[in-house]
PDB file of N, CA and C in Angstrom:
ATOM      1  N   MET A   1       0.669  -1.069   0.683  1.00  0.00           N
ATOM      2  CA  MET A   1       0.538   0.209  -0.345  1.00  0.00           C
ATOM      3  C   MET A   1       1.436   0.876  -0.216  1.00  0.00           C
ATOM      4  N   THR A   2       0.016   2.134  -0.206  1.00  0.00           N
ATOM      5  CA  THR A   2       0.694   3.414  -0.196  1.00  0.00           C
ATOM      6  C   THR A   2       1.268   3.814   0.729  1.00  0.00           C
ATOM      7  N   THR A   3       1.497   4.890   0.674  1.00  0.00           N
ATOM      8  CA  THR A   3       1.261   6.039   2.627  1.00  0.00           C
ATOM      9  C   THR A   3      -0.049   6.462   2.471  1.00  0.00           C
ATOM     10  N   SER A   4      -0.956   6.899   1.789  1.00  0.00           N
ATOM     11  CA  SER A   4      -1.649   7.379   1.194  1.00  0.00           C
ATOM     12  C   SER A   4      -3.203   6.501   1.454  1.00  0.00           C
ATOM     13  N   ASP A   5      -2.812   5.069   1.654  1.00  0.00           N
ATOM     14  CA  ASP A   5      -3.636   4.346   2.296  1.00  0.00           C
ATOM     15  C   ASP A   5      -4.668   4.181   1.167  1.00  0.00           C
ATOM     16  N   THR A   6      -4.564   3.388   0.271  1.00  0.00           N
ATOM     17  CA  THR A   6      -5.204   3.152  -0.865  1.00  0.00           C
ATOM     18  C   THR A   6      -4.711   3.376  -1.586  1.00  0.00           C
ATOM     19  N   PRO A   7      -5.528   1.845  -2.613  1.00  0.00           N
ATOM     20  CA  PRO A   7      -5.151   0.446  -3.573  1.00  0.00           C
ATOM     21  C   PRO A   7      -4.093   1.006  -4.400  1.00  0.00           C
ATOM     22  N   ASP A   8      -2.841   1.311  -4.640  1.00  0.00           N
ATOM     23  CA  ASP A   8      -1.564   1.015  -5.671  1.00  0.00           C
ATOM     24  C   ASP A   8      -1.433   0.933  -6.145  1.00  0.00           C
ATOM     25  N   ASN A   9      -2.447  -0.592  -7.017  1.00  0.00           N
ATOM     26  CA  ASN A   9      -2.186  -1.034  -8.444  1.00  0.00           C
ATOM     27  C   ASN A   9      -4.000  -1.757  -8.187  1.00  0.00           C
ATOM     28  N   PRO A  10      -4.460  -2.621  -9.400  1.00  0.00           N
ATOM     29  CA  PRO A  10      -5.050  -2.620 -10.680  1.00  0.00           C
ATOM     30  C   PRO A  10      -6.274  -4.185  -9.085  1.00  0.00           C
ATOM     31  N   ALA A  11      -4.266  -4.686  -8.959  1.00  0.00           N
ATOM     32  CA  ALA A  11      -4.548  -5.693  -8.190  1.00  0.00           C
ATOM     33  C   ALA A  11      -4.837  -5.822  -6.821  1.00  0.00           C
ATOM     34  N   GLU A  12      -4.523  -4.674  -6.212  1.00  0.00           N
ATOM     35  CA  GLU A  12      -4.932  -4.464  -4.096  1.00  0.00           C
ATOM     36  C   GLU A  12      -5.923  -3.934  -4.888  1.00  0.00           C
ATOM     37  N   PHE A  13      -6.586  -3.621  -5.265  1.00  0.00           N
ATOM     38  CA  PHE A  13      -7.743  -2.327  -5.350  1.00  0.00           C
ATOM     39  C   PHE A  13      -9.227  -3.924  -5.526  1.00  0.00           C
ATOM     40  N   GLU A  14      -8.330  -4.813  -6.839  1.00  0.00           N
ATOM     41  CA  GLU A  14      -9.806  -6.334  -7.012  1.00  0.00           C
ATOM     42  C   GLU A  14      -9.267  -6.428  -5.963  1.00  0.00           C
ATOM     43  N   LYS A  15      -8.626  -7.439  -5.048  1.00  0.00           N
ATOM     44  CA  LYS A  15      -8.695  -7.847  -3.805  1.00  0.00           C
ATOM     45  C   LYS A  15      -9.235  -7.083  -2.636  1.00  0.00           C
ATOM     46  N   ASP A  16      -8.958  -5.979  -2.526  1.00  0.00           N
ATOM     47  CA  ASP A  16      -9.711  -5.591  -1.761  1.00  0.00           C
ATOM     48  C   ASP A  16     -11.702  -4.964  -1.762  1.00  0.00           C
ATOM     49  N   LEU A  17     -12.045  -4.735  -3.230  1.00  0.00           N
ATOM     50  CA  LEU A  17     -13.121  -5.073  -3.306  1.00  0.00           C
ATOM     51  C   LEU A  17     -13.718  -6.761  -3.244  1.00  0.00           C
ATOM     52  N   GLU A  18     -12.961  -7.601  -3.482  1.00  0.00           N
ATOM     53  CA  GLU A  18     -13.522  -9.018  -2.923  1.00  0.00           C
ATOM     54  C   GLU A  18     -13.497  -9.417  -1.060  1.00  0.00           C
ATOM     55  N   SER A  19     -12.510  -8.902  -1.281  1.00  0.00           N
ATOM     56  CA  SER A  19     -13.087  -8.579   0.469  1.00  0.00           C
ATOM     57  C   SER A  19     -13.827  -7.734   1.234  1.00  0.00           C
ATOM     58  N   LEU A  20     -14.434  -6.613   0.073  1.00  0.00           N
ATOM     59  CA  LEU A  20     -15.639  -5.494   0.933  1.00  0.00           C
ATOM     60  C   LEU A  20     -16.804  -6.871   0.390  1.00  0.00           C
ATOM     61  N   GLU A  21     -17.541  -8.028  -0.663  1.00  0.00           N
ATOM     62  CA  GLU A  21     -17.594  -8.356  -0.933  1.00  0.00           C
ATOM     63  C   GLU A  21     -18.506 -10.175  -0.226  1.00  0.00           C
ATOM     64  N   ALA A  22     -16.728 -10.653   0.434  1.00  0.00           N
ATOM     65  CA  ALA A  22     -17.211 -11.034   0.637  1.00  0.00           C
ATOM     66  C   ALA A  22     -17.429 -11.350   2.384  1.00  0.00           C
ATOM     67  N   LEU A  23     -17.389  -9.588   3.307  1.00  0.00           N
ATOM     68  CA  LEU A  23     -18.119  -8.987   4.584  1.00  0.00           C
ATOM     69  C   LEU A  23     -19.106  -8.955   4.132  1.00  0.00           C
ATOM     70  N   VAL A  24     -19.633  -8.395   3.066  1.00  0.00           N
ATOM     71  CA  VAL A  24     -20.575  -7.979   3.564  1.00  0.00           C
ATOM     72  C   VAL A  24     -21.434  -9.215   2.859  1.00  0.00           C
ATOM     73  N   GLY A  25     -20.834 -10.352   2.375  1.00  0.00           N
ATOM     74  CA  GLY A  25     -21.759 -11.863   2.818  1.00  0.00           C
ATOM     75  C   GLY A  25     -21.800 -12.483   3.493  1.00  0.00           C
ATOM     76  N   ARG A  26     -20.780 -12.221   4.818  1.00  0.00           N
ATOM     77  CA  ARG A  26     -20.846 -12.349   6.012  1.00  0.00           C
ATOM     78  C   ARG A  26     -21.603 -12.315   6.885  1.00  0.00           C
ATOM     79  N   MET A  27     -21.956 -10.902   6.892  1.00  0.00           N
ATOM     80  CA  MET A  27     -22.884  -9.511   7.651  1.00  0.00           C
ATOM     81  C   MET A  27     -24.842 -10.795   7.251  1.00  0.00           C
ATOM     82  N   GLU A  28     -24.763 -10.110   6.514  1.00  0.00           N
ATOM     83  CA  GLU A  28     -26.201 -10.555   5.129  1.00  0.00           C
ATOM     84  C   GLU A  28     -26.718 -12.131   5.979  1.00  0.00           C
ATOM     85  N   GLN A  29     -24.990 -13.597   6.200  1.00  0.00           N
ATOM     86  CA  GLN A  29     -25.952 -14.540   6.832  1.00  0.00           C
ATOM     87  C   GLN A  29     -26.511 -14.009   8.231  1.00  0.00           C
ATOM     88  N   GLY A  30     -25.871 -13.331   8.755  1.00  0.00           N
ATOM     89  CA  GLY A  30     -27.300 -12.717   9.744  1.00  0.00           C
ATOM     90  C   GLY A  30     -26.465 -13.977  11.513  1.00  0.00           C
ATOM     91  N   GLU A  31     -25.475 -15.282  11.028  1.00  0.00           N
ATOM     92  CA  GLU A  31     -25.525 -15.368  12.940  1.00  0.00           C
ATOM     93  C   GLU A  31     -24.691 -14.605  12.979  1.00  0.00           C
ATOM     94  N   LEU A  32     -23.701 -14.043  12.957  1.00  0.00           N
ATOM     95  CA  LEU A  32     -22.521 -12.463  14.138  1.00  0.00           C
ATOM     96  C   LEU A  32     -23.536 -12.341  15.186  1.00  0.00           C
ATOM     97  N   SER A  33     -22.416 -12.201  15.378  1.00  0.00           N
ATOM     98  CA  SER A  33     -23.014 -11.558  17.044  1.00  0.00           C
ATOM     99  C   SER A  33     -22.768 -10.185  17.321  1.00  0.00           C
ATOM    100  N   LEU A  34     -22.723  -9.732  17.643  1.00  0.00           N
ATOM    101  CA  LEU A  34     -23.298  -8.030  18.077  1.00  0.00           C
ATOM    102  C   LEU A  34     -21.545  -7.085  17.200  1.00  0.00           C
ATOM    103  N   GLU A  35     -21.125  -7.522  18.724  1.00  0.00           N
ATOM    104  CA  GLU A  35     -19.507  -7.559  18.377  1.00  0.00           C
ATOM    105  C   GLU A  35     -18.747  -7.722  17.210  1.00  0.00           C
ATOM    106  N   ALA A  36     -18.620  -9.333  16.513  1.00  0.00           N
ATOM    107  CA  ALA A  36     -18.499  -9.067  15.744  1.00  0.00           C
ATOM    108  C   ALA A  36     -18.816  -8.149  13.986  1.00  0.00           C
ATOM    109  N   SER A  37     -20.145  -8.433  14.230  1.00  0.00           N
ATOM    110  CA  SER A  37     -20.772  -7.143  12.566  1.00  0.00           C
ATOM    111  C   SER A  37     -20.057  -6.224  12.804  1.00  0.00           C
ATOM    112  N   LEU A  38     -20.322  -5.442  14.554  1.00  0.00           N
ATOM    113  CA  LEU A  38     -19.674  -3.910  13.929  1.00  0.00           C
ATOM    114  C   LEU A  38     -18.298  -3.949  13.696  1.00  0.00           C
ATOM    115  N   LYS A  39     -16.825  -4.613  14.241  1.00  0.00           N
ATOM    116  CA  LYS A  39     -15.651  -5.311  14.037  1.00  0.00           C
ATOM    117  C   LYS A  39     -16.235  -5.045  12.244  1.00  0.00           C
ATOM    118  N   GLU A  40     -16.699  -5.656  11.493  1.00  0.00           N
ATOM    119  CA  GLU A  40     -16.875  -6.551  10.720  1.00  0.00           C
ATOM    120  C   GLU A  40     -17.273  -4.780   9.516  1.00  0.00           C
ATOM    121  N   PHE A  41     -18.060  -4.412  10.349  1.00  0.00           N
ATOM    122  CA  PHE A  41     -18.722  -2.758   9.504  1.00  0.00           C
ATOM    123  C   PHE A  41     -18.052  -2.055   9.877  1.00  0.00           C
ATOM    124  N   GLU A  42     -16.745  -1.634  10.570  1.00  0.00           N
ATOM    125  CA  GLU A  42     -15.894  -1.327  10.243  1.00  0.00           C
ATOM    126  C   GLU A  42     -14.833  -1.589   9.920  1.00  0.00           C
ATOM    127  N   ARG A  43     -14.559  -2.603   9.394  1.00  0.00           N
ATOM    128  CA  ARG A  43     -14.114  -2.445   8.634  1.00  0.00           C
ATOM    129  C   ARG A  43     -14.419  -2.842   7.064  1.00  0.00           C
ATOM    130  N   GLY A  44     -15.510  -2.758   6.864  1.00  0.00           N
ATOM    131  CA  GLY A  44     -16.105  -2.735   5.691  1.00  0.00           C
ATOM    132  C   GLY A  44     -16.128  -1.365   5.274  1.00  0.00           C
ATOM    133  N   ILE A  45     -16.353  -0.272   6.231  1.00  0.00           N
ATOM    134  CA  ILE A  45     -15.908   1.193   6.439  1.00  0.00           C
ATOM    135  C   ILE A  45     -14.143   1.538   6.055  1.00  0.00           C
ATOM    136  N   ALA A  46     -13.988   0.950   6.578  1.00  0.00           N
ATOM    137  CA  ALA A  46     -12.329   1.059   5.920  1.00  0.00           C
ATOM    138  C   ALA A  46     -12.073   1.141   4.722  1.00  0.00           C
ATOM    139  N   LEU A  47     -12.128  -0.296   3.862  1.00  0.00           N
ATOM    140  CA  LEU A  47     -12.381  -0.761   2.762  1.00  0.00           C
ATOM    141  C   LEU A  47     -12.726   0.258   1.723  1.00  0.00           C
ATOM    142  N   THR A  48     -14.202   0.807   0.759  1.00  0.00           N
ATOM    143  CA  THR A  48     -14.779   1.972   1.338  1.00  0.00           C
ATOM    144  C   THR A  48     -14.171   2.285   0.955  1.00  0.00           C
ATOM    145  N   ARG A  49     -13.673   3.350   2.082  1.00  0.00           N
ATOM    146  CA  ARG A  49     -13.075   4.766   2.184  1.00  0.00           C
ATOM    147  C   ARG A  49     -11.485   3.909   0.779  1.00  0.00           C
ATOM    148  N   ARG A  50     -11.728   3.160   1.550  1.00  0.00           N
ATOM    149  CA  ARG A  50     -10.370   2.466   0.842  1.00  0.00           C
ATOM    150  C   ARG A  50     -10.215   1.929  -1.154  1.00  0.00           C
ATOM    151  N   CYS A  51     -11.515   1.440  -1.662  1.00  0.00           N
ATOM    152  CA  CYS A  51     -11.631   1.166  -2.704  1.00  0.00           C
ATOM    153  C   CYS A  51     -11.869   3.294  -3.904  1.00  0.00           C
ATOM    154  N   GLN A  52     -13.238   3.702  -3.258  1.00  0.00           N
ATOM    155  CA  GLN A  52     -13.824   4.756  -3.757  1.00  0.00           C
ATOM    156  C   GLN A  52     -12.931   5.636  -3.170  1.00  0.00           C
ATOM    157  N   LYS A  53     -11.580   6.019  -2.796  1.00  0.00           N
ATOM    158  CA  LYS A  53     -10.261   6.739  -2.791  1.00  0.00           C
ATOM    159  C   LYS A  53      -9.540   6.480  -4.768  1.00  0.00           C
ATOM    160  N   ALA A  54      -9.552   5.562  -4.768  1.00  0.00           N
ATOM    161  CA  ALA A  54      -9.092   4.718  -5.134  1.00  0.00           C
ATOM    162  C   ALA A  54      -9.001   4.979  -6.597  1.00  0.00           C
ATOM    163  N   LEU A  55     -10.810   4.730  -7.084  1.00  0.00           N
ATOM    164  CA  LEU A  55     -11.670   5.045  -7.897  1.00  0.00           C
ATOM    165  C   LEU A  55     -11.806   6.298  -7.710  1.00  0.00           C
ATOM    166  N   THR A  56     -11.701   7.682  -7.830  1.00  0.00           N
ATOM    167  CA  THR A  56     -12.073   8.757  -7.662  1.00  0.00           C
ATOM    168  C   THR A  56     -10.461   9.315  -8.392  1.00  0.00           C
ATOM    169  N   GLU A  57      -9.689   8.363  -7.636  1.00  0.00           N
ATOM    170  CA  GLU A  57      -8.347   8.746  -7.913  1.00  0.00           C
ATOM    171  C   GLU A  57      -7.828   8.675  -9.664  1.00  0.00           C
ATOM    172  N   ALA A  58      -8.568   7.137  -9.469  1.00  0.00           N
ATOM    173  CA  ALA A  58      -8.274   7.328 -11.321  1.00  0.00           C
ATOM    174  C   ALA A  58      -9.723   7.459 -12.024  1.00  0.00           C
ATOM    175  N   GLU A  59     -10.429   8.349 -11.686  1.00  0.00           N
ATOM    176  CA  GLU A  59     -10.634   9.602 -12.412  1.00  0.00           C
ATOM    177  C   GLU A  59      -9.941  10.488 -12.513  1.00  0.00           C
ATOM    178  N   GLN A  60      -9.336  10.981 -11.536  1.00  0.00           N
ATOM    179  CA  GLN A  60      -8.991  12.073 -12.128  1.00  0.00           C
ATOM    180  C   GLN A  60      -8.031  11.961 -12.652  1.00  0.00           C
ATOM    181  N   LYS A  61      -7.046  10.815 -12.807  1.00  0.00           N
ATOM    182  CA  LYS A  61      -5.552  10.108 -13.618  1.00  0.00           C
ATOM    183  C   LYS A  61      -6.657  10.300 -15.190  1.00  0.00           C
ATOM    184  N   VAL A  62      -8.098   9.467 -15.781  1.00  0.00           N
ATOM    185  CA  VAL A  62      -8.107  10.000 -17.493  1.00  0.00           C
ATOM    186  C   VAL A  62      -9.228  10.856 -17.980  1.00  0.00           C
ATOM    187  N   ARG A  63      -9.160  12.434 -16.079  1.00  0.00           N
ATOM    188  CA  ARG A  63      -9.821  13.722 -16.452  1.00  0.00           C
ATOM    189  C   ARG A  63      -8.722  14.585 -16.577  1.00  0.00           C
ATOM    190  N   ARG A  64      -6.577  13.720 -15.980  1.00  0.00           N
ATOM    191  CA  ARG A  64      -5.889  14.921 -16.925  1.00  0.00           C
ATOM    192  C   ARG A  64      -5.407  13.864 -18.559  1.00  0.00           C
ATOM    193  N   LEU A  65      -5.749  12.378 -18.513  1.00  0.00           N
ATOM    194  CA  LEU A  65      -4.888  12.523 -19.905  1.00  0.00           C
ATOM    195  C   LEU A  65      -6.395  12.357 -21.092  1.00  0.00           C
ATOM    196  N   THR A  66      -7.603  13.016 -20.610  1.00  0.00           N
ATOM    197  CA  THR A  66      -7.375  13.798 -21.459  1.00  0.00           C
ATOM    198  C   THR A  66      -7.742  15.584 -21.819  1.00  0.00           C
ATOM    199  N   GLU A  67      -7.091  16.014 -21.659  1.00  0.00           N
ATOM    200  CA  GLU A  67      -7.431  17.399 -20.503  1.00  0.00           C
ATOM    201  C   GLU A  67      -8.233  18.462 -21.965  1.00  0.00           C
ATOM    202  N   ASP A  68      -7.815  17.930 -22.908  1.00  0.00           N
ATOM    203  CA  ASP A  68      -8.527  18.375 -24.529  1.00  0.00           C
ATOM    204  C   ASP A  68     -10.125  18.218 -23.993  1.00  0.00           C
ATOM    205  N   GLY A  69     -10.540  17.832 -23.329  1.00  0.00           N
ATOM    206  CA  GLY A  69     -12.518  18.082 -23.035  1.00  0.00           C
ATOM    207  C   GLY A  69     -12.550  17.057 -23.746  1.00  0.00           C
ATOM    208  N   THR A  70     -12.048  16.265 -24.480  1.00  0.00           N
ATOM    209  CA  THR A  70     -12.686  14.883 -25.634  1.00  0.00           C
ATOM    210  C   THR A  70     -13.370  14.182 -24.571  1.00  0.00           C
ATOM    211  N   GLU A  71     -14.414  13.856 -24.670  1.00  0.00           N
ATOM    212  CA  GLU A  71     -14.896  12.907 -23.604  1.00  0.00           C
ATOM    213  C   GLU A  71     -15.312  11.699 -24.017  1.00  0.00           C
ATOM    214  N   ILE A  72     -14.615  10.560 -23.354  1.00  0.00           N
ATOM    215  CA  ILE A  72     -14.735   9.092 -23.982  1.00  0.00           C
ATOM    216  C   ILE A  72     -15.565   8.213 -23.055  1.00  0.00           C
ATOM    217  N   ASP A  73     -16.097   7.285 -24.030  1.00  0.00           N
ATOM    218  CA  ASP A  73     -16.953   6.855 -23.760  1.00  0.00           C
ATOM    219  C   ASP A  73     -16.309   5.178 -23.270  1.00  0.00           C
ATOM    220  N   LEU A  74     -16.450   5.499 -22.122  1.00  0.00           N
ATOM    221  CA  LEU A  74     -15.485   3.867 -21.434  1.00  0.00           C
ATOM    222  C   LEU A  74     -16.311   2.605 -22.281  1.00  0.00           C
ATOM    223  N   ASP A  75     -17.165   2.339 -22.407  1.00  0.00           N
ATOM    224  CA  ASP A  75     -18.175   0.969 -22.436  1.00  0.00           C
ATOM    225  C   ASP A  75     -17.745   0.780 -23.794  1.00  0.00           C
ATOM    226  N   MET A  76     -17.586   2.289 -24.707  1.00  0.00           N
ATOM    227  CA  MET A  76     -17.943   1.957 -26.115  1.00  0.00           C
ATOM    228  C   MET A  76     -16.721   0.406 -26.680  1.00  0.00           C
ATOM    229  N   PRO A  77     -17.019   0.054 -27.410  1.00  0.00           N
ATOM    230  CA  PRO A  77     -15.734  -1.291 -28.107  1.00  0.00           C
ATOM    231  C   PRO A  77     -14.930  -0.033 -29.076  1.00  0.00           C
ATOM    232  N   GLU A  78     -14.214  -1.902 -29.383  1.00  0.00           N
ATOM    233  CA  GLU A  78     -13.253  -0.416 -29.797  1.00  0.00           C
ATOM    234  C   GLU A  78     -13.245  -0.373 -30.947  1.00  0.00           C
ATOM    235  N   PRO A  79     -12.266   0.783 -32.392  1.00  0.00           N
ATOM    236  CA  PRO A  79     -13.132   1.574 -33.294  1.00  0.00           C
ATOM    237  C   PRO A  79     -13.319  -0.308 -34.405  1.00  0.00           C
ATOM    238  N   ALA A  80     -13.130  -0.352 -35.872  1.00  0.00           N
ATOM    239  CA  ALA A  80     -13.229  -1.271 -35.886  1.00  0.00           C
ATOM    240  C   ALA A  80     -11.243  -0.856 -36.830  1.00  0.00           C
ATOM    241  N   GLY A  81     -10.869  -1.577 -37.438  1.00  0.00           N
ATOM    242  CA  GLY A  81      -9.016  -0.461 -38.323  1.00  0.00           C
ATOM    243  C   GLY A  81      -9.344  -1.213 -39.582  1.00  0.00           C
ATOM    244  N   PRO A  82      -8.842  -0.250 -40.474  1.00  0.00           N
ATOM    245  CA  PRO A  82      -8.710   0.328 -41.642  1.00  0.00           C
ATOM    246  C   PRO A  82      -9.527  -0.548 -42.605  1.00  0.00           C
ATOM    247  N   ASP A  83     -10.034  -1.252 -42.870  1.00  0.00           N
ATOM    248  CA  ASP A  83     -10.748  -1.691 -43.980  1.00  0.00           C
ATOM    249  C   ASP A  83     -11.906  -3.005 -43.174  1.00  0.00           C
ATOM    250  N   GLY A  84     -12.197  -1.614 -42.742  1.00  0.00           N
ATOM    251  CA  GLY A  84     -13.442  -2.162 -41.372  1.00  0.00           C
ATOM    252  C   GLY A  84     -14.331  -3.331 -40.351  1.00  0.00           C
ATOM    253  N   GLU A  85     -12.870  -4.341 -40.395  1.00  0.00           N
ATOM    254  CA  GLU A  85     -12.307  -5.017 -39.930  1.00  0.00           C
ATOM    255  C   GLU A  85     -12.000  -4.759 -38.016  1.00  0.00           C
ATOM    256  N   ASP A  86     -12.236  -5.670 -36.783  1.00  0.00           N
ATOM    257  CA  ASP A  86     -11.029  -5.811 -35.910  1.00  0.00           C
ATOM    258  C   ASP A  86      -9.753  -6.252 -36.100  1.00  0.00           C
TER     259      ASP A  86
END
């Protein structure tokens, strides 16, 4: 981790996200004690904040890379090659 306490690479972000999903699953089962639920909730909040910070930093990086004002639709498929094929 970096000193700013955010995932410094996509693999760490994915790991944090998987941990958060597993944590939510455990809490949804409803079998944890109140104390355990509170600990998991605290951990979930910390993971959520780290993931949100990483997403915000990634968004800012994309904005810096496209400072010319060009909008990029990240869900669009790649453009076809010059002969109309991929």
